[in-house]
């Protein structure tokens, strides 16, 4: 390992471990004294910066628990998870799992699920652009091809399913007074969502569990007929034409082709 690599490793360790000594490679003051206080200021500034990044990525989680308590959680997370990339938009992916095991929010079991939804939104916001196709693309295929149709999805498209009403919670916190929209909410009623950025804005839409199974199957490369079967198995009243039209209306499809079931 090069001297530079050793210094990077020791600095990283010192940023994570508050009890660690100032790395030996840090430049000393003119009198030869190691600048512990200055390094502590730097360490604190790094942590504050990471807390700010996390709060920007997880604004609803921040609002639910309050800024001060969020900062406490985020500080603990940051001490365990320093960035692995200089691209800070990728920082914080592990935060939902961290919340799931964070004892102080065990009374809020939905919190980590809301965080997962916010991470999906973050990745969609920074995802690649693509041009969706319209439902007219189906006109290139004959009726006999329909069971074997496959769909290519927009790169920002993702799905999430939860045992909690995470979409309702997220949507409520887009309003001025979230509590007005959450009164009487059944926290045991799960929800599923589609997240996508077809143009400038990220769209988060609640979908039925049947629609979730349908879209997940298509996204996994399964043909149309098999995906419909899986949706109906979950939701017998699944509306095939409406869901097919909705898929295109979302701007989720970037290509249509023929596939065969395995």
Protein backbone atom coordinates (compact mmCIF):
# COMPACT_ATOMS: atom_id res chain seq x y z
CA UNK A 1 0.00 0.00 0.00
CA UNK A 2 1.35 3.43 -0.96
CA UNK A 3 1.94 6.14 1.64
CA UNK A 4 -0.93 8.14 0.12
CA UNK A 5 -3.28 5.15 0.40
CA UNK A 6 -2.22 4.62 4.01
CA UNK A 7 -2.94 8.26 4.81
CA UNK A 8 -6.37 8.06 3.13
CA UNK A 9 -7.19 4.94 5.12
CA UNK A 10 -6.08 6.46 8.42
CA UNK A 11 -8.03 9.68 7.77
CA UNK A 12 -11.13 7.66 6.91
CA UNK A 13 -10.76 5.67 10.12
CA UNK A 14 -10.30 8.83 12.17
CA UNK A 15 -13.45 10.37 10.66
CA UNK A 16 -15.47 7.29 11.62
CA UNK A 17 -13.94 6.79 15.07
CA UNK A 18 -14.25 9.77 17.39
CA UNK A 19 -11.70 8.22 19.74
CA UNK A 20 -9.06 7.78 17.04
CA UNK A 21 -5.92 9.87 17.13
CA UNK A 22 -5.22 12.44 14.45
CA UNK A 23 -3.58 10.55 11.55
CA UNK A 24 0.22 10.72 11.64
CA UNK A 25 0.38 12.07 8.11
CA UNK A 26 -1.61 15.20 8.91
CA UNK A 27 0.58 18.30 8.65
CA UNK A 28 1.70 19.57 12.04
CA UNK A 29 1.65 23.19 13.17
CA UNK A 30 4.83 25.24 13.04
CA UNK A 31 5.58 24.37 16.65
CA UNK A 32 5.29 20.65 15.84
CA UNK A 33 2.00 20.14 17.66
CA UNK A 34 -0.59 17.90 16.00
CA UNK A 35 -3.67 20.08 15.25
CA UNK A 36 -6.25 17.99 17.14
CA UNK A 37 -8.74 20.81 17.49
CA UNK A 38 -8.58 21.67 13.80
CA UNK A 39 -9.04 18.03 12.83
CA UNK A 40 -12.04 17.80 15.17
CA UNK A 41 -13.58 20.80 13.43
CA UNK A 42 -12.99 19.13 10.06
CA UNK A 43 -14.45 15.86 11.34
CA UNK A 44 -17.53 17.69 12.61
CA UNK A 45 -17.96 19.60 9.33
CA UNK A 46 -17.80 16.35 7.38
CA UNK A 47 -20.49 14.84 9.60
CA UNK A 48 -22.71 17.92 9.32
CA UNK A 49 -22.37 17.82 5.54
CA UNK A 50 -23.44 14.17 5.45
CA UNK A 51 -26.40 14.91 7.74
CA UNK A 52 -27.46 17.65 5.32
CA UNK A 53 -27.23 15.26 2.36
CA UNK A 54 -29.34 12.68 4.17
CA UNK A 55 -31.96 15.23 5.16
CA UNK A 56 -32.23 16.38 1.53
CA UNK A 57 -32.66 12.80 0.36
CA UNK A 58 -35.13 11.87 3.10
CA UNK A 59 -37.25 15.00 3.69
CA UNK A 60 -40.40 13.13 4.73
CA UNK A 61 -38.51 11.02 7.27
CA UNK A 62 -36.99 14.27 8.56
CA UNK A 63 -40.43 15.83 8.90
CA UNK A 64 -41.91 12.79 10.65
CA UNK A 65 -39.27 12.63 13.40
CA UNK A 66 -38.27 16.30 13.49
CA UNK A 67 -35.03 17.93 12.39
CA UNK A 68 -33.19 17.56 15.70
CA UNK A 69 -33.94 13.88 16.12
CA UNK A 70 -33.21 13.22 12.45
CA UNK A 71 -29.81 14.86 12.90
CA UNK A 72 -29.12 12.49 15.82
CA UNK A 73 -30.01 9.44 13.72
CA UNK A 74 -28.15 10.70 10.69
CA UNK A 75 -25.04 11.40 12.73
CA UNK A 76 -24.97 7.82 13.99
CA UNK A 77 -25.50 6.56 10.46
CA UNK A 78 -22.77 8.79 9.06
CA UNK A 79 -20.24 7.54 11.61
CA UNK A 80 -20.92 4.00 10.41
CA UNK A 81 -21.27 4.75 6.69
CA UNK A 82 -18.83 7.19 5.18
CA UNK A 83 -19.30 7.89 1.46
CA UNK A 84 -17.72 5.35 -0.86
CA UNK A 85 -17.98 7.67 -3.85
CA UNK A 86 -17.36 11.38 -4.44
CA UNK A 87 -20.80 11.49 -6.10
CA UNK A 88 -22.97 12.44 -3.13
CA UNK A 89 -26.28 11.72 -4.89
CA UNK A 90 -25.42 8.06 -4.29
CA UNK A 91 -24.96 8.51 -0.55
CA UNK A 92 -27.47 7.09 1.90
CA UNK A 93 -28.75 3.96 0.18
CA UNK A 94 -28.26 1.96 3.40
CA UNK A 95 -30.22 4.45 5.51
CA UNK A 96 -33.61 2.64 5.27
CA UNK A 97 -32.05 -0.58 6.58
CA UNK A 98 -30.29 1.41 9.29
CA UNK A 99 -33.66 2.82 10.42
CA UNK A 100 -35.17 -0.66 10.47
CA UNK A 101 -32.68 -1.64 13.16
CA UNK A 102 -32.46 1.70 14.98
CA UNK A 103 -33.88 1.07 18.45
CA UNK A 104 -35.09 4.62 19.03
CA UNK A 105 -37.66 4.39 16.20
CA UNK A 106 -38.88 0.85 16.84
CA UNK A 107 -42.31 2.35 17.58
CA UNK A 108 -42.37 3.68 14.01
CA UNK A 109 -41.96 0.46 11.99
CA UNK A 110 -43.21 2.21 8.84
CA UNK A 111 -40.37 4.74 8.94
CA UNK A 112 -37.80 2.57 7.16
CA UNK A 113 -40.40 1.76 4.49
CA UNK A 114 -41.09 5.45 3.87
CA UNK A 115 -37.32 5.90 3.62
CA UNK A 116 -37.18 3.17 0.95
CA UNK A 117 -39.80 5.06 -1.05
CA UNK A 118 -37.77 8.25 -0.74
CA UNK A 119 -34.61 6.46 -1.89
CA UNK A 120 -36.47 5.18 -4.96
CA UNK A 121 -37.53 8.76 -5.61
CA UNK A 122 -33.93 9.93 -5.25
CA UNK A 123 -32.61 7.39 -7.75
CA UNK A 124 -35.41 8.21 -10.19
CA UNK A 125 -34.68 11.92 -9.94
CA UNK A 126 -31.04 11.39 -10.85
CA UNK A 127 -31.68 8.57 -13.32
CA UNK A 128 -31.01 8.55 -17.06
CA UNK A 129 -33.37 10.14 -19.55
CA UNK A 130 -35.22 8.06 -22.12
CA UNK A 131 -38.01 8.59 -24.63
CA UNK A 132 -41.21 6.64 -23.89
CA UNK A 133 -43.27 5.08 -26.66
CA UNK A 134 -47.04 5.44 -26.90
CA UNK A 135 -49.63 2.70 -26.92
CA UNK A 136 -49.65 2.96 -30.71
CA UNK A 137 -46.47 0.87 -30.60
CA UNK A 138 -48.72 -2.16 -30.10
CA UNK A 139 -50.04 -1.63 -33.63
CA UNK A 140 -46.86 -3.19 -35.00
CA UNK A 141 -47.95 -6.59 -33.67
CA UNK A 142 -50.76 -8.94 -34.59
CA UNK A 143 -53.42 -10.23 -32.21
CA UNK A 144 -51.65 -13.58 -32.07
CA UNK A 145 -48.54 -11.82 -30.72
CA UNK A 146 -50.24 -10.25 -27.71
CA UNK A 147 -49.61 -13.14 -25.24
CA UNK A 148 -45.88 -12.98 -25.97
CA UNK A 149 -45.41 -9.23 -25.85
CA UNK A 150 -42.56 -7.96 -23.70
CA UNK A 151 -41.91 -4.42 -22.54
CA UNK A 152 -38.73 -2.39 -22.08
CA UNK A 153 -39.01 -0.04 -19.14
CA UNK A 154 -37.86 3.52 -18.61
CA UNK A 155 -34.54 3.56 -16.67
CA UNK A 156 -36.10 5.59 -13.84
CA UNK A 157 -39.02 3.17 -13.40
CA UNK A 158 -39.17 1.23 -10.14
CA UNK A 159 -41.69 -0.50 -7.90
CA UNK A 160 -42.04 -0.81 -4.15
CA UNK A 161 -44.48 -2.77 -2.00
CA UNK A 162 -44.90 -2.34 1.74
CA UNK A 163 -46.97 -3.70 4.61
CA UNK A 164 -47.65 -0.07 5.56
CA UNK A 165 -49.50 2.79 3.80
CA UNK A 166 -46.26 4.44 2.70
CA UNK A 167 -47.71 6.21 -0.35
CA UNK A 168 -50.47 7.83 1.69
CA UNK A 169 -47.93 8.90 4.31
CA UNK A 170 -45.58 10.32 1.68
CA UNK A 171 -48.38 12.15 -0.12
CA UNK A 172 -49.70 13.60 3.14
CA UNK A 173 -46.30 15.11 3.81
CA UNK A 174 -46.43 16.94 0.51
CA UNK A 175 -49.27 18.98 2.03
CA UNK A 176 -49.08 21.90 4.43
CA UNK A 177 -50.73 20.04 7.32
CA UNK A 178 -49.96 16.32 6.98
CA UNK A 179 -51.88 15.34 10.11
CA UNK A 180 -55.15 16.38 8.44
CA UNK A 181 -54.61 13.71 5.79
CA UNK A 182 -53.38 11.02 8.18
CA UNK A 183 -56.16 11.10 10.77
CA UNK A 184 -57.76 7.69 11.01
CA UNK A 185 -55.24 6.07 8.66
CA UNK A 186 -55.08 2.28 9.01
CA UNK A 187 -51.38 1.62 9.53
CA UNK A 188 -51.88 -2.10 8.93
CA UNK A 189 -53.04 -1.60 5.35
CA UNK A 190 -50.16 -2.11 2.94
CA UNK A 191 -49.64 -0.15 -0.26
CA UNK A 192 -47.64 -0.46 -3.47
CA UNK A 193 -46.21 2.29 -5.63
CA UNK A 194 -44.75 3.05 -9.03
CA UNK A 195 -41.92 5.59 -9.11
CA UNK A 196 -40.82 7.12 -12.41
CA UNK A 197 -39.45 10.33 -13.92
CA UNK A 198 -40.72 10.32 -17.51
CA UNK A 199 -39.92 14.03 -17.93
CA UNK A 200 -38.75 16.64 -15.40
CA UNK A 201 -40.66 15.57 -12.29
CA UNK A 202 -40.65 12.31 -10.39
CA UNK A 203 -44.10 10.73 -10.21
CA UNK A 204 -45.11 8.52 -7.29
CA UNK A 205 -48.37 6.70 -7.91
CA UNK A 206 -50.15 4.22 -5.68
CA UNK A 207 -51.19 1.04 -7.49
CA UNK A 208 -53.18 -2.00 -6.48
CA UNK A 209 -51.41 -5.20 -5.48
CA UNK A 210 -52.58 -6.82 -8.70
CA UNK A 211 -51.07 -4.01 -10.74
CA UNK A 212 -47.86 -4.33 -8.76
CA UNK A 213 -47.61 -8.04 -9.64
CA UNK A 214 -48.40 -7.29 -13.29
CA UNK A 215 -45.74 -4.59 -13.59
CA UNK A 216 -43.15 -6.48 -11.61
CA UNK A 217 -43.59 -9.53 -13.83
CA UNK A 218 -43.25 -7.45 -16.99
CA UNK A 219 -40.21 -5.66 -15.60
CA UNK A 220 -38.64 -9.04 -14.89
CA UNK A 221 -38.92 -9.89 -18.59
CA UNK A 222 -41.95 -12.16 -18.46
CA UNK A 223 -44.44 -12.12 -21.37
CA UNK A 224 -47.74 -10.28 -21.21
CA UNK A 225 -49.90 -13.40 -20.77
CA UNK A 226 -47.92 -14.70 -17.77
CA UNK A 227 -47.88 -11.25 -16.19
CA UNK A 228 -51.65 -11.00 -16.50
CA UNK A 229 -52.05 -14.44 -14.91
CA UNK A 230 -49.95 -13.38 -11.94
CA UNK A 231 -51.96 -10.19 -11.54
CA UNK A 232 -55.30 -12.02 -11.62
CA UNK A 233 -54.04 -14.56 -9.09
CA UNK A 234 -53.51 -11.65 -6.70
CA UNK A 235 -56.46 -9.52 -7.78
CA UNK A 236 -59.30 -11.42 -9.53
CA UNK A 237 -60.92 -8.16 -10.66
CA UNK A 238 -57.72 -7.01 -12.39
CA UNK A 239 -58.66 -4.74 -15.32
CA UNK A 240 -56.39 -5.71 -18.22
CA UNK A 241 -57.18 -2.88 -20.70
CA UNK A 242 -57.02 -0.19 -18.01
CA UNK A 243 -53.69 -1.40 -16.69
CA UNK A 244 -52.20 -1.72 -20.15
CA UNK A 245 -53.26 1.83 -21.01
CA UNK A 246 -52.02 3.08 -17.64
CA UNK A 247 -48.60 1.58 -18.29
CA UNK A 248 -48.18 3.69 -21.41
CA UNK A 249 -49.83 6.78 -19.91
CA UNK A 250 -47.18 6.76 -17.19
CA UNK A 251 -44.47 6.99 -19.83
CA UNK A 252 -43.03 3.77 -18.45
CA UNK A 253 -42.53 1.90 -21.74
CA UNK A 254 -39.57 2.62 -24.01
CA UNK A 255 -39.95 -0.39 -26.28
CA UNK A 256 -42.15 -3.38 -27.11
CA UNK A 257 -40.91 -6.72 -28.39
CA UNK A 258 -41.73 -10.42 -28.48
CA UNK A 259 -40.58 -12.75 -25.73
CA UNK A 260 -41.23 -16.35 -24.88
CA UNK A 261 -42.04 -17.72 -21.46
CA UNK A 262 -39.36 -19.91 -19.92
